[in-house]
Every structure is written in structure tokens, then in C-alpha cells.
Protein backbone atom coordinates (compact mmCIF):
# COMPACT_ATOMS: atom_id res chain seq x y z
CA LEU A 1 47.55 92.99 142.40
CA VAL A 2 45.01 93.87 145.09
CA ALA A 3 42.23 94.23 142.53
CA MET A 4 42.90 90.79 141.06
CA CYS A 5 42.75 89.18 144.51
CA VAL A 6 39.68 90.91 145.92
CA ASN A 7 37.74 90.67 142.66
CA ASP A 8 38.42 86.92 142.62
CA ILE A 9 37.15 86.59 146.19
CA LEU A 10 33.83 88.04 145.04
CA ALA A 11 33.33 84.90 142.93
CA HIS A 12 32.39 83.15 146.19
CA GLY A 13 30.26 86.08 147.33
CA ALA A 14 32.88 86.80 149.98
CA GLU A 15 33.79 90.16 151.49
CA PRO A 16 37.57 90.82 151.45
CA LEU A 17 38.85 91.20 155.03
CA PHE A 18 42.60 91.69 154.74
CA PHE A 19 45.55 91.58 152.34
CA LEU A 20 49.20 90.66 152.79
CA ASP A 21 51.97 91.48 150.32
CA TYR A 22 55.38 90.08 149.38
CA PHE A 23 58.08 92.35 147.90
CA ALA A 24 61.34 90.77 146.70
CA CYS A 25 64.38 92.52 145.20
CA GLY A 26 68.15 92.28 144.86
CA LYS A 27 68.82 95.47 146.81
CA LEU A 28 66.08 97.39 148.58
CA GLU A 29 65.42 100.85 147.17
CA VAL A 30 63.40 102.45 149.92
CA GLU A 31 61.65 105.01 147.70
CA VAL A 32 60.52 102.32 145.24
CA ALA A 33 59.27 100.05 148.03
CA GLN A 34 57.44 102.92 149.69
CA ALA A 35 55.68 103.82 146.43
CA VAL A 36 54.63 100.19 145.87
CA ILE A 37 53.31 99.74 149.41
CA ALA A 38 51.48 103.08 149.22
CA GLY A 39 49.74 101.86 146.07
CA ILE A 40 48.77 98.61 147.77
CA ALA A 41 47.43 100.51 150.78
CA GLU A 42 45.34 102.78 148.55
CA ALA A 43 43.89 99.76 146.73
CA CYS A 44 43.02 98.10 150.03
CA THR A 45 41.12 101.23 151.04
CA LEU A 46 39.17 101.10 147.77
CA ALA A 47 38.42 97.42 148.39
CA GLY A 48 37.34 97.98 151.99
CA CYS A 49 39.91 95.59 153.44
CA ALA A 50 42.91 95.96 155.75
CA LEU A 51 46.57 95.77 154.76
CA LEU A 52 47.81 93.65 157.65
CA GLY A 53 51.44 93.53 156.61
CA GLY A 54 53.69 91.42 154.48
CA GLU A 55 57.25 90.41 153.78
CA THR A 56 60.15 92.21 152.14
CA ALA A 57 62.97 89.98 150.88
CA GLU A 58 66.40 91.17 149.73
CA MET A 59 68.14 88.53 147.60
CA PRO A 60 71.40 89.88 146.13
CA GLY A 61 72.23 88.36 142.76
CA MET A 62 68.68 87.18 142.13
CA TYR A 63 67.35 90.41 140.60
CA PRO A 64 69.03 92.98 138.32
CA PRO A 65 69.08 96.58 139.63
CA GLY A 66 65.69 98.23 139.43
CA GLU A 67 63.74 94.96 139.19
CA TYR A 68 61.53 93.39 141.83
CA ASP A 69 58.85 90.72 142.30
CA LEU A 70 55.53 91.51 143.89
CA GLY A 71 53.03 89.03 145.22
CA GLY A 72 50.16 88.95 147.67
CA PHE A 73 46.93 87.34 148.75
CA ALA A 74 43.61 88.35 150.25
CA VAL A 75 41.36 86.59 152.72
CA GLY A 76 37.60 87.04 152.72
CA ALA A 77 34.54 85.73 154.53
CA VAL A 78 31.01 84.86 153.49
CA GLU A 79 27.98 83.38 155.19
CA ARG A 80 27.63 79.81 153.98
CA LYS A 81 24.08 80.36 152.67
CA GLN A 82 25.29 83.29 150.56
CA MET A 83 28.17 81.43 148.90
CA LEU A 84 28.45 81.64 145.12
CA PRO A 85 28.08 80.23 142.55
CA GLN A 86 24.69 78.70 143.27
CA LEU A 87 24.81 76.20 140.42
CA ASP A 88 21.57 74.43 141.27
CA ARG A 89 19.61 77.71 140.87
CA ILE A 90 20.88 78.56 137.38
CA VAL A 91 18.28 77.91 134.68
CA ASP A 92 17.68 78.50 131.00
CA GLY A 93 16.79 82.15 130.36
CA ASP A 94 18.67 83.69 133.29
CA ALA A 95 20.06 87.12 132.44
CA VAL A 96 23.77 87.92 132.09
CA ILE A 97 24.77 91.38 133.34
CA GLY A 98 28.16 92.78 132.38
CA ILE A 99 30.03 95.34 134.50
CA ALA A 100 32.43 97.66 132.68
CA SER A 101 36.17 97.20 132.90
CA SER A 102 38.53 100.17 133.02
CA GLY A 103 40.57 98.77 130.12
CA ILE A 104 42.99 95.87 129.72
CA HIS A 105 43.06 95.24 133.48
CA SER A 106 45.86 92.79 134.30
CA ASN A 107 45.73 90.19 131.55
CA GLY A 108 46.91 89.83 127.96
CA PHE A 109 50.07 91.91 128.26
CA SER A 110 52.31 89.38 126.53
CA LEU A 111 50.15 89.75 123.45
CA VAL A 112 49.91 93.53 123.91
CA ARG A 113 53.70 93.86 123.96
CA LYS A 114 54.01 91.71 120.84
CA ILE A 115 51.41 93.82 119.00
CA ILE A 116 53.20 97.08 119.85
CA GLU A 117 56.59 95.59 119.01
CA ASN A 118 55.34 94.77 115.50
CA SER A 119 53.55 98.10 114.98
CA PRO A 120 54.83 101.61 114.22
CA PHE A 121 53.70 102.69 117.69
CA SER A 122 55.49 102.79 121.03
CA PHE A 123 54.39 103.09 124.65
CA SER A 124 55.06 106.85 124.44
CA SER A 125 52.69 107.26 121.48
CA PRO A 126 49.40 109.11 122.14
CA SER A 127 46.64 107.06 123.71
CA VAL A 128 43.86 105.51 121.64
CA GLY A 129 40.69 107.50 122.19
CA GLY A 130 41.77 108.13 125.77
CA SER A 131 42.37 111.30 127.74
CA GLU A 132 44.08 114.19 126.00
CA GLY A 133 47.79 114.11 126.81
CA GLN A 134 47.71 110.46 127.89
CA THR A 135 50.27 108.12 126.31
CA LEU A 136 49.51 104.64 125.02
CA GLY A 137 51.61 103.13 127.82
CA GLU A 138 49.66 105.03 130.47
CA GLN A 139 46.39 103.96 128.89
CA LEU A 140 47.41 100.30 128.90
CA LEU A 141 48.37 100.57 132.58
CA THR A 142 45.01 102.01 133.66
CA PRO A 143 44.43 100.40 137.10
CA THR A 144 42.08 97.43 137.30
CA LYS A 145 38.66 98.31 138.69
CA ILE A 146 37.92 97.09 142.19
CA TYR A 147 34.32 95.90 142.39
CA SER A 148 33.88 94.81 146.00
CA LYS A 149 32.18 97.90 147.49
CA VAL A 150 29.81 98.25 144.54
CA LEU A 151 28.90 94.60 144.07
CA LEU A 152 28.83 93.13 147.58
CA PRO A 153 25.33 94.49 148.40
CA VAL A 154 24.07 93.12 145.07
CA LEU A 155 25.75 89.74 145.57
CA HIS A 156 24.15 89.42 149.00
CA SER A 157 20.68 90.49 147.80
CA GLY A 158 19.66 86.95 146.88
CA CYS A 159 19.06 87.91 143.25
CA VAL A 160 22.50 86.90 141.97
CA LYS A 161 23.19 83.25 141.21
CA ALA A 162 26.80 83.57 140.06
CA TYR A 163 29.61 86.06 139.54
CA ALA A 164 32.63 85.65 137.23
CA HIS A 165 35.72 87.83 137.27
CA ILE A 166 36.94 88.21 133.65
CA THR A 167 40.71 87.72 133.88
CA GLY A 168 43.15 85.48 131.99
CA GLY A 169 41.20 83.48 129.42
CA GLY A 170 38.85 86.37 128.72
CA LEU A 171 35.14 85.94 128.25
CA LEU A 172 35.42 82.45 126.80
CA GLU A 173 37.21 80.74 129.69
CA ASN A 174 36.04 82.58 132.80
CA ILE A 175 32.27 82.45 132.44
CA PRO A 176 32.03 78.62 132.15
CA ARG A 177 33.71 78.32 135.58
CA VAL A 178 30.50 79.53 137.26
CA LEU A 179 28.03 77.58 135.10
CA PRO A 180 26.69 74.03 135.40
CA GLY A 181 28.00 71.85 132.58
CA LYS A 182 24.57 71.65 130.95
CA PHE A 183 24.37 75.43 130.38
CA GLY A 184 26.20 78.05 128.36
CA VAL A 185 25.66 81.73 127.61
CA VAL A 186 25.05 83.76 124.49
CA LEU A 187 26.38 87.34 124.56
CA ASP A 188 25.80 90.22 122.14
CA ALA A 189 28.88 92.47 121.86
CA LEU A 190 26.76 95.29 120.45
CA SER A 191 24.97 95.57 123.79
CA TRP A 192 27.90 97.05 125.74
CA LYS A 193 30.45 99.81 125.21
CA ILE A 194 33.83 98.39 124.21
CA PRO A 195 36.75 100.70 125.07
CA GLU A 196 38.62 101.92 121.98
CA ILE A 197 41.85 100.26 123.09
CA PHE A 198 40.41 96.82 122.33
CA SER A 199 39.39 97.80 118.80
CA TRP A 200 42.89 99.20 118.28
CA LEU A 201 44.55 96.00 119.53
CA GLN A 202 42.33 93.84 117.33
CA LYS A 203 43.18 95.88 114.24
CA GLU A 204 46.91 96.31 114.92
CA GLY A 205 47.32 92.65 115.89
CA ASN A 206 45.00 91.35 113.16
CA LEU A 207 43.41 89.18 115.83
CA SER A 208 40.47 86.88 115.28
CA GLU A 209 37.19 87.23 117.12
CA GLU A 210 37.96 84.13 119.17
CA GLU A 211 41.48 85.26 120.08
CA MET A 212 40.17 88.60 121.34
CA ALA A 213 37.44 86.95 123.42
CA ARG A 214 39.86 84.34 124.81
CA THR A 215 42.61 86.82 125.74
CA PHE A 216 40.96 90.08 126.79
CA ASN A 217 37.95 91.17 128.82
CA CYS A 218 36.78 93.27 125.81
CA GLY A 219 35.27 95.88 128.12
CA ILE A 220 33.55 93.53 130.59
CA GLY A 221 35.42 93.23 133.90
CA ALA A 222 32.88 90.96 135.60
CA ILE A 223 29.55 89.28 134.87
CA LEU A 224 26.58 88.32 136.99
CA ILE A 225 24.05 85.56 136.38
CA VAL A 226 20.69 86.89 137.57
CA GLN A 227 17.12 85.63 137.47
CA LYS A 228 15.64 87.54 134.54
CA GLU A 229 12.72 88.90 136.60
CA PHE A 230 15.21 90.67 138.88
CA ALA A 231 17.68 91.73 136.18
CA GLY A 232 16.24 95.22 135.72
CA GLN A 233 16.46 96.13 139.40
CA VAL A 234 19.95 94.64 139.81
CA LEU A 235 21.10 96.56 136.75
CA LYS A 236 19.75 99.84 138.18
CA ASP A 237 21.48 99.21 141.50
CA ILE A 238 24.83 98.67 139.80
CA GLN A 239 24.42 101.57 137.38
CA ARG A 240 24.26 103.99 140.30
CA HIS A 241 28.01 103.38 140.67
CA GLU A 242 29.37 101.68 137.54
CA ASP A 243 28.55 101.30 133.86
CA ALA A 244 26.74 98.00 133.35
CA TRP A 245 24.59 96.39 130.70
CA LEU A 246 22.32 93.42 130.06
CA ILE A 247 24.66 91.58 127.68
CA GLY A 248 23.18 88.12 127.19
CA LYS A 249 21.36 85.14 128.63
CA VAL A 250 21.85 81.56 129.82
CA VAL A 251 21.04 78.86 127.25
CA PRO A 252 21.20 75.05 127.19
CA HIS A 253 24.63 73.75 126.23
CA HIS A 254 24.88 71.16 123.48
CA SER A 255 27.76 68.74 123.24
CA GLY A 256 30.48 69.95 120.90
CA SER A 257 29.41 73.59 121.04
CA PRO A 258 31.20 76.32 123.03
CA HIS A 259 29.93 77.27 126.47
CA VAL A 260 30.25 80.95 125.59
CA GLU A 261 29.08 82.38 122.27
CA VAL A 262 29.92 86.04 121.66
CA ASN A 263 27.96 87.44 118.75
CA ASN A 264 28.81 90.59 116.76
CA LEU A 265 32.23 91.10 118.35
CA LEU A 266 34.00 92.04 115.12
CA GLN A 267 31.11 94.31 114.17
CA ALA A 268 31.43 96.06 117.53
CA PHE A 269 35.17 96.56 117.00
CA HIS A 270 34.50 97.95 113.54
CA ALA A 271 31.84 100.34 114.85
CA ASN A 272 34.29 101.50 117.50
CA ARG A 273 36.95 102.24 114.88
CA LEU A 274 34.48 104.28 112.85
CA GLN A 275 33.64 106.31 115.95
CA MET A 276 37.35 106.76 116.71
CA LEU A 277 37.94 107.96 113.16
CA HIS A 278 35.09 110.45 113.50
CA ASN A 279 36.51 111.72 116.80
CA GLN A 280 39.97 112.07 115.31
CA GLN A 281 38.62 113.97 112.34
CA SER A 282 36.72 116.38 114.57
CA LYS A 283 39.87 117.91 116.10
CA MET A 284 43.18 118.62 114.41
CA ARG A 285 46.23 117.12 116.14
CA VAL A 286 48.68 119.91 116.97
CA ALA A 287 52.34 119.72 118.02
CA VAL A 288 53.98 122.77 119.58
CA LEU A 289 57.73 123.41 119.31
CA ILE A 290 59.31 125.54 122.04
CA SER A 291 62.70 126.57 123.40
CA GLY A 292 61.86 128.47 126.58
CA THR A 293 59.14 129.69 128.93
CA GLY A 294 56.19 128.77 126.72
CA THR A 295 53.98 131.80 127.31
CA ASN A 296 52.38 131.41 123.89
CA LEU A 297 52.14 127.67 124.53
CA GLU A 298 50.05 128.41 127.60
CA ALA A 299 47.66 130.50 125.51
CA LEU A 300 47.38 127.72 122.93
CA ILE A 301 46.66 125.14 125.65
CA THR A 302 43.93 127.34 127.12
CA SER A 303 42.35 127.70 123.68
CA THR A 304 42.29 123.95 123.02
CA LYS A 305 40.63 123.24 126.37
CA LYS A 306 37.47 125.03 125.24
CA PRO A 307 34.67 122.70 124.06
CA SER A 308 34.43 124.67 120.82
CA SER A 309 38.10 124.10 119.93
CA TYR A 310 38.92 122.62 116.54
CA ALA A 311 42.40 121.62 117.74
CA GLN A 312 43.99 119.42 120.36
CA ILE A 313 47.64 119.63 121.41
CA VAL A 314 49.05 116.12 121.37
CA LEU A 315 52.75 116.87 121.83
CA VAL A 316 55.21 119.56 122.94
CA ILE A 317 58.81 119.34 121.71
CA SER A 318 61.66 121.42 123.11
CA ASN A 319 65.24 121.60 121.91
CA LYS A 320 66.26 122.46 125.49
CA ALA A 321 65.74 120.36 128.60
CA GLY A 322 64.28 121.71 131.83
CA VAL A 323 62.61 124.80 130.37
CA GLU A 324 59.43 126.17 131.93
CA GLY A 325 57.41 125.45 128.80
CA LEU A 326 57.90 121.71 129.30
CA LYS A 327 56.60 121.99 132.85
CA LYS A 328 53.52 123.85 131.64
CA ALA A 329 52.82 121.09 129.12
CA GLU A 330 53.28 118.37 131.73
CA ARG A 331 50.94 120.14 134.14
CA ALA A 332 48.36 120.18 131.35
CA GLY A 333 48.83 116.44 130.81
CA ILE A 334 50.43 116.86 127.37
CA PRO A 335 53.23 114.47 126.34
CA THR A 336 56.62 116.16 125.98
CA LYS A 337 59.83 115.32 124.15
CA VAL A 338 63.29 116.91 124.45
CA ILE A 339 65.35 116.74 121.27
CA ASP A 340 68.65 118.51 121.94
CA HIS A 341 69.90 120.16 118.75
CA LYS A 342 73.47 120.06 120.09
CA LEU A 343 73.50 116.28 119.68
CA TYR A 344 73.09 116.54 115.89
CA SER A 345 75.71 117.47 113.33
CA SER A 346 73.40 119.51 111.08
CA ARG A 347 70.04 121.26 110.95
CA GLU A 348 68.78 118.60 108.56
CA GLU A 349 69.72 115.78 110.95
CA PHE A 350 68.05 117.54 113.89
CA ASP A 351 64.92 118.30 111.84
CA SER A 352 64.76 114.67 110.77
CA ALA A 353 64.68 113.59 114.42
CA VAL A 354 61.89 116.10 115.09
CA ASP A 355 59.99 114.88 112.03
CA LYS A 356 60.17 111.28 113.22
CA VAL A 357 58.55 112.17 116.55
CA LEU A 358 55.88 114.29 114.85
CA GLU A 359 54.98 111.33 112.65
CA GLU A 360 54.89 109.03 115.67
CA PHE A 361 52.31 111.29 117.34
CA SER A 362 50.34 111.71 114.08
CA ALA A 363 50.71 115.49 114.23
CA GLU A 364 48.76 117.41 111.58
CA LEU A 365 49.74 120.98 112.44
CA ILE A 366 52.88 122.48 113.97
CA CYS A 367 52.92 125.69 116.01
CA LEU A 368 56.28 127.36 116.65
CA ALA A 369 55.90 129.07 120.04
CA GLY A 370 59.25 130.61 120.86
CA PHE A 371 61.17 127.90 119.01
CA MET A 372 64.62 129.40 118.56
CA ARG A 373 65.74 127.32 115.60
CA ILE A 374 65.56 127.97 111.86
CA LEU A 375 63.98 124.99 110.17
CA SER A 376 65.71 123.37 107.20
CA GLY A 377 64.34 123.53 103.66
CA PRO A 378 63.42 119.83 103.39
CA PHE A 379 61.47 119.99 106.67
CA VAL A 380 59.58 123.15 105.65
CA ARG A 381 58.75 121.69 102.24
CA LYS A 382 57.44 118.46 103.74
CA TRP A 383 55.21 120.31 106.21
CA ASN A 384 54.24 123.10 103.80
CA GLY A 385 50.97 124.71 104.86
CA LYS A 386 51.12 122.93 108.22
CA ILE A 387 53.56 125.10 110.21
CA LEU A 388 52.49 128.28 111.97
CA ASN A 389 54.83 130.86 113.48
CA ILE A 390 54.20 134.08 115.38
CA HIS A 391 56.38 137.15 114.86
CA PRO A 392 56.37 140.25 117.13
CA SER A 393 55.71 142.84 114.42
CA LEU A 394 53.23 143.59 111.67
CA LEU A 395 54.90 141.74 108.82
CA PRO A 396 56.22 142.36 106.25
CA SER A 397 57.71 145.17 108.35
CA PHE A 398 60.55 144.51 110.81
CA LYS A 399 61.46 140.94 109.93
CA GLY A 400 64.05 138.91 111.80
CA ALA A 401 65.35 139.30 115.34
CA ASN A 402 65.18 142.49 117.47
CA ALA A 403 61.81 143.53 116.03
CA HIS A 404 60.94 145.78 118.99
CA ARG A 405 64.22 147.66 118.76
CA LEU A 406 63.73 148.16 115.03
CA VAL A 407 60.19 149.44 115.64
CA LEU A 408 61.39 152.02 118.19
CA GLU A 409 64.29 153.10 115.99
CA ALA A 410 61.93 153.60 113.02
CA GLY A 411 59.62 155.77 115.11
CA VAL A 412 56.42 154.11 113.91
CA ARG A 413 53.32 154.62 116.05
CA VAL A 414 51.78 151.18 115.50
CA THR A 415 53.30 147.71 115.70
CA GLY A 416 51.78 144.36 116.67
CA CYS A 417 52.14 140.66 115.96
CA THR A 418 51.66 138.40 112.95
CA VAL A 419 50.80 134.72 112.72
CA HIS A 420 51.89 133.29 109.38
CA PHE A 421 52.57 130.05 107.59
CA VAL A 422 56.25 129.17 107.61
CA ALA A 423 58.10 129.38 104.30
CA GLU A 424 61.75 128.65 103.51
CA GLU A 425 62.51 132.37 103.61
CA VAL A 426 62.41 133.62 107.21
CA ASP A 427 59.23 135.56 108.16
CA ALA A 428 58.01 135.48 104.54
CA GLY A 429 55.09 133.02 104.67
CA ALA A 430 51.47 133.89 103.98
CA ILE A 431 49.87 135.93 106.75
CA ILE A 432 46.99 134.32 108.64
CA PHE A 433 46.20 136.81 111.37
CA GLN A 434 47.52 140.12 112.74
CA GLU A 435 46.76 142.26 115.76
CA ALA A 436 47.88 145.85 116.06
CA VAL A 437 49.50 147.33 119.20
CA PRO A 438 50.07 151.08 119.62
CA VAL A 439 53.59 152.30 120.33
CA LYS A 440 53.37 154.68 123.27
CA ILE A 441 55.60 157.67 123.89
CA GLY A 442 58.39 156.64 126.20
CA ASP A 443 58.09 152.94 125.37
CA SER A 444 61.19 150.84 125.93
CA GLU A 445 61.85 147.48 124.31
CA GLU A 446 60.66 145.83 127.54
CA THR A 447 57.37 147.72 127.89
CA LEU A 448 56.55 147.35 124.22
CA SER A 449 57.39 143.66 124.34
CA GLU A 450 55.00 143.07 127.22
CA ARG A 451 52.05 144.64 125.37
CA VAL A 452 52.86 142.79 122.15
CA LYS A 453 53.00 139.49 124.11
CA GLU A 454 49.44 140.13 125.34
CA ALA A 455 48.36 140.49 121.71
CA GLU A 456 50.27 137.34 120.76
CA HIS A 457 48.35 135.38 123.38
CA ARG A 458 45.14 136.31 121.57
CA ALA A 459 46.36 136.16 117.98
CA PHE A 460 48.14 132.79 117.99
CA PRO A 461 45.17 130.77 119.34
CA THR A 462 42.86 132.56 116.90
CA ALA A 463 45.08 131.68 113.94
CA MET A 464 45.47 128.08 115.10
CA GLN A 465 41.69 127.66 115.36
CA LEU A 466 41.19 129.20 111.90
CA VAL A 467 43.56 126.68 110.34
CA ALA A 468 42.33 123.71 112.42
CA SER A 469 38.71 124.46 111.50
CA GLY A 470 39.53 124.51 107.80
CA ALA A 471 38.53 128.15 107.46
CA ILE A 472 42.02 128.99 106.17
CA GLN A 473 44.32 126.94 103.97
CA LEU A 474 47.56 127.61 102.16
CA GLY A 475 47.09 127.46 98.42
CA GLY A 476 49.51 125.95 95.94
CA ASP A 477 50.61 129.46 94.97
CA GLY A 478 51.61 130.23 98.57
CA LYS A 479 48.62 132.48 99.18
CA ILE A 480 45.82 132.19 101.75
CA ILE A 481 42.58 130.47 100.72
CA TRP A 482 39.45 131.23 102.74
CA THR A 483 36.76 128.56 102.45
CA SER A 484 33.48 130.35 101.79
CA GLN A 485 31.44 128.37 104.30
CA LYS A 486 33.76 129.09 107.21
CA GLN A 487 34.33 132.67 106.13
CA ASN A 488 30.62 133.35 106.18
């Protein structure tokens, strides 16, 4: 809200001075109102203006519980001689500079909601080429960039003839507002970086080039019209703080032709999708299933944070709510889901619910890290060669529960841990990686367990990386296949 107001004020070359808000609801929830006002205050700080106050209105019966209306306005000031746009100065050949947006900003959400409604995705799905652990909903709600502090010195330099804030109407309808009728602009979409979310929306919505350019900012949050001789210096000044590009030029407008021509937009979207596909192929998408503290999960997360990792954890599922493992995932910015097995009448029904979420997040590999459920046959068969489990013994010895007790009772001097592919028979899948742990004289189940856990924290990430890199695969005969290139 603040960004939309103060960025609009810049269109006149004005500096935002203060902002006032209006918050209306049926019944005031103090915590909600405080969070909203805190966000407004933070945005005003970013914009360099004061939050003078506002109005809060309670109107019982007007709003359902949990809903509210939010409005506001900003006031700015500018010296008359510095007012924009300076239409009489704009000439053929002037440069168009584009300043990067942070994403969708605040326009086009009716279309966005319709696209998601008609797609297999939801707002909780993983983001599109965004931060690891970010959901699609969070990506779409990335705050609008506030340009005032960065652009005001440039706008007052005398080099800028016009500024347009790219809001509702996109590139096609906002730029003509700051141009004389006799001029238009030609833009080249291959000259700026288009965020992946726009390529995704275009593909999922099957939108035309014109519809994209008329609805969304397509990666350009604002444009400047600059005398071409000064364009290089203005661009450098902006690039010290924000991504910006020379994206086009002013041209004479001919009757019957559009004022804004965006060339190569579909090609840019296509190039973006190819890059996204390459990025997706470079790291395997991993889901981790847990039931408790998530100590092995923590080791897996640490492994995937390394630049050399072949895997990325895109989801953590727990069959129990409130466990520490979920908190560890959330702290790492990884989406989490709780699927309570008690709510399902059978293992198959529970596994089907898990499978649905795994498909939603496009998981390619599943790691069972303290997941205290036996998976059903249909689930294991569907994900054959894509489920890893860790067992606290050197399989095939000491299968099943109570492995440490069985080790001590047998009197063996060496135990360890095993990472293996999951098969329908418990603890019987092909072995990927093992690490040995000595059994010391006087060991109890607790002391032995602690040392084996340390080995698990090394072995599980190693096995995950081997599979994610393609070095190890499960063959059709249920045996391990080492690819010669990776093995060497």
C-alpha cells in the first residue's frame, strides 16, 4: 500500500513527505491491527516519509471475522521547475531505462488467482525459481519495491524527462501516460532479466504476449525517459542500488499503431523457462519424512546447503504435529506438512495422502529420517528406487527395532549404520552406504546409540548425495548400479 502510493508520487518528481492510513474491520483484533500498522511504519521508513497517523473504524456486521479493509494516501512535494513529466523535452531517440521489480508487485492478482485455480498447483506449492523453502504464495506476495530513496536524486538531476510507475495496465498502459501523443516507445524484452514467476504465469495461464504486457510489470517496476547522451551515467547511478537496464527508446508514434511495442517478450519467457528447467535439473528435489526430533534431518539440511550439493530439500512431512523436526525445517525455511496417520483408516489411505503432497511438491527422492511408519506396498512400488532409509546397524545384521540391544546381546565388537533403498520387506533394500562403529566394553544401549547417531549424521547425507548426483541407481533386479563416470 505504501509502496504503491509513494512510487506513484515519484511520477511528478515529488519527494514523499507523509502517509496516513485507514483500517476498517467488523471487530478490532488488536494483534492484527498492530501487525498491519507495523508493516506500514516499516514501509514509510524505507520510503523516507513520516507515518502521521490514520483512522481505525469498527463496523460490526460489515466485515466477516478476520477480514478488514486497508487504505491510505501519501503527500509529497516538488519544486515546480523539477516537476515531471517534462513532455516538451521528450524527443525521438530518448533512452528508456527500466528499473527491476521485485516480482508481481501489487497488480494482476485476479488473473494470478484464476491461473492457480485452474492449475495443479496451490499457494503452498514450492516457489518458481525462488528461494529454497519459499512457497508459491510467499513468492507472489513478495513486497513491492519502494524506489523513492534510490530514484529521487536521479529524478532531480535534470537528466530525466519522465518517470512511469508500472502498475495496473502493465507496460502497455502506464508508459503512454508520461509521453506526448506524438511519441511511443519500442522495448526489447531480451534486454532485461524477467523473474521466473512471469514465465511460469504465462505458461500456466497460456497468456498471449499482449495480455502479459497489459497485466503485469514483467520484471520492470518503473521506467525513466532520459536523454540518450546521459543514459549511461544515469544507468550507473541507479545500478549502484538496484538492477536496471537500457530497455528501449522513444520513437515517433503513427496513427493506428500502439504507443508501446514490446519485442521478443515470448522469446524471453521461453528462454527463462529453459533456464528454470536447467536449474531444476541441476539439483534433485528431496522430501524428508520424519516423526520426531529430526537429528538426521538436520544433517541432511546442512549437506544440502553446501554449494556442491546435488540435492535440495523442498519439503518435510511429519505424521505428528509439534515435533522438533518440524521446527528445524521451518527455521531452515523449508515448507512443512503434518499428515496425521490417526486420521486415516488404513496404511494405504495414509500413504495416498502423503503421495499426493509429494507429487504437489514435485519430489524426486524421499529420505526417511526417523519416520516411524511402515510404508505400504503400493507406495513403495510406486517410489521404487526413490526412497532412502537409515538403519542403526550394519545390515543385513540386526534388522528391525531394538538394533542396539540386539548388538549388545550378540556380543559383536563392531556395529554401525546402513543407508539403503526401501523395499517392501523391512530393512531388505539394496545397501547404498555403511559406516562402522566399534562396540566398546561397558557400552549401554544409550552410549552405543549416541555414537551410531554421529555416524548416521555422516552416512545419510553421503548416501543422499550419491543418489542425487546419479552416481548410484537402483537397477531393475533390485541391485545397486554405479555409473562409471561418477564412480571414477
